[in-house]
C-alpha cells in the first residue's frame, strides 16, 4: 500500500491517471456487486411520489402489502395496505404467504417496508423473493430511501394509523 502512495505523490500525471482509473473501476465493481443483490429489476421499483399519484388516480389499484414491523404499521401506513409481517423472519414469511392466499398470480402487488434505509432493509428483499418464487408475475417494491416517516408521511402523502 505504501508503494501506491509513493507513486501517487512522486510520479507523473500518467501514474495518477492509472491509479485513479483503477480505483474507479474498483468502486464501480463494488457498486455492481451491491446492486446485484437486489432481486428486482429497475422496472420493478416504484418511487413514493409515483405510487401516491397512482393511488389517487382512476383505475384498479395494486395490492399493497407492508412487510415490515407491526408497530410501524400501526403507527402509520399507506391507506389500503395490508400488514403481512416482517419478512426477515420465518413467521413473517408465513404471514406473507397467508396474505396472498387466493390472490391471482397476475395481480399487481406492491411491497413496502420503510423501517430503515432502503439498502439496509431486512424485509423487502426476502418478501420480493418469496412472492416471485410463488409465481407472482407483477411484483413491485416501493423505494423508501430513509424510512416511511421521512419518505412518505413527511412528504404529505396519505397515511392511515392502526388497523
Foldseek 3Di string as FASTA:
>chain_A
DVVLVCCCPPHDVVSVVVVVVVVVVVVVVVVVVLVVLAPDDPVQEDEQVRLLVVVPDDDDHAAEEAQEDPVVVQAKDAPNHDYQYALLDPVSLVSLVVVCVPPDLATAYEYEYFPAAQSPRSGDRSSVVSSVVVRRDHYHYYHPGGGCCVRAVVVPRDIDHHD
